[in-house]
Amino acid sequence: MDTPPGIRVLREESHMWPASANVFLLHDAEGAILVDVGCGTEARYSALKDSLAVEGFDISDVHTVILSHAHPDHIGAMRFLTEEISPRVFLHPLEMPLAAEPELLNKTFDLQLASEHVVLEDGSPPNSYNILDYFAALCPMSSAVATDELVPGETLEAGGFRLLVVHTPGHAPGHCSFFEVDQGFLLTGDAVGQVVAWYSPSSGGAIGYLEGLTRLASLGASLILPSHGPNITDPQRAITHTRDHILRVDGKLLSRLGPEPISLAELCGRIYRNPVARIFPGIQIIQSHLLKLEAEGRVVRHPDGRISLPG
């Protein structure tokens, strides 16, 4: 299905990290509106300006930016954009401090879990690192000051569209998707797309992710415009695929547990063979599911922190 009239997708060639997020261009009588802005490299920002020019806009025409969440592939280019213009910037309240002070992403990515629980092949814990240093070489992050709140359940008027704000955490605590109530299409950000995004406890975890998917499924959308990859013409199938992918992780964890308690580090090693994947996002995903399974009474966390099946 073609992209609806009135919205242009500045689409990336690849959907795999560190590719920039797709940028969505809307317009009204006042000028241009962007949903997300992409990575913070000069080349990426130049490509954004070139894409605007093809559509007949200059960067000075952009009066509003709507950010799905404060990750570098979505907001990195704000560092260049705000040197030239001062647009209104919409962001969920939980994302506002992360955008203003990107160092806080280390907490929402739950990087401390790796230093506390992961053991490398030589028996040592991994070195602590700043997630911003990792981003810098691939898809630089930048700070951004939001001027307006995205309020879940409220409708945002943008470029002739009515966008219902839908809170879809898991990948980021204040991650938002947008449902166009008249035409029935969804901008899902990273919640649903070509790949299933990672998730961490402080960003909403498996519980928050699944709750967000339930909200999306209830909307009856006819088309998804994701942040990574091409348009998705069967939204319910894509949402179900994402939900099933997450729920399968429950099964993987349960199949590797028994009545004898094991440490979180050992469980992580049984699931993720690659030591780098254990550091991120492995331990974060596992902890997200353990919190869910504990709440459901399907696993037991012992006083010493080890985990087992009940019984």
Foldseek 3Di string as FASTA:
>chain_A
DDDDPQKDWQADPAQDPPFAWIWIWGADPQAIEIEFQAFQDPVSNVSSQVVQVVVPHGLQRYAEYEYQAQDRSGHNNVVVSVVPYDHAYEFAPQRQVCQQPVQCVCVQLVLVLQQVAAADPVRHGDDDDGVQVVCVVTGHGHHDHHDYYDDAQAWDDDNNFTWHWAQAWFLAQRGTKTAGLPQQEIEREQLFDPDNHHGFVSRCFLPSSLVSLVVVLVSPGQWYDYRGDHIDRDVNVRSVVNNVVLVVVLVVLQVPAAADWDALNVSLCSVDVDSVVSSPPRSRNVVSSVVVCVVVQQKDQDPVRTIHGDD
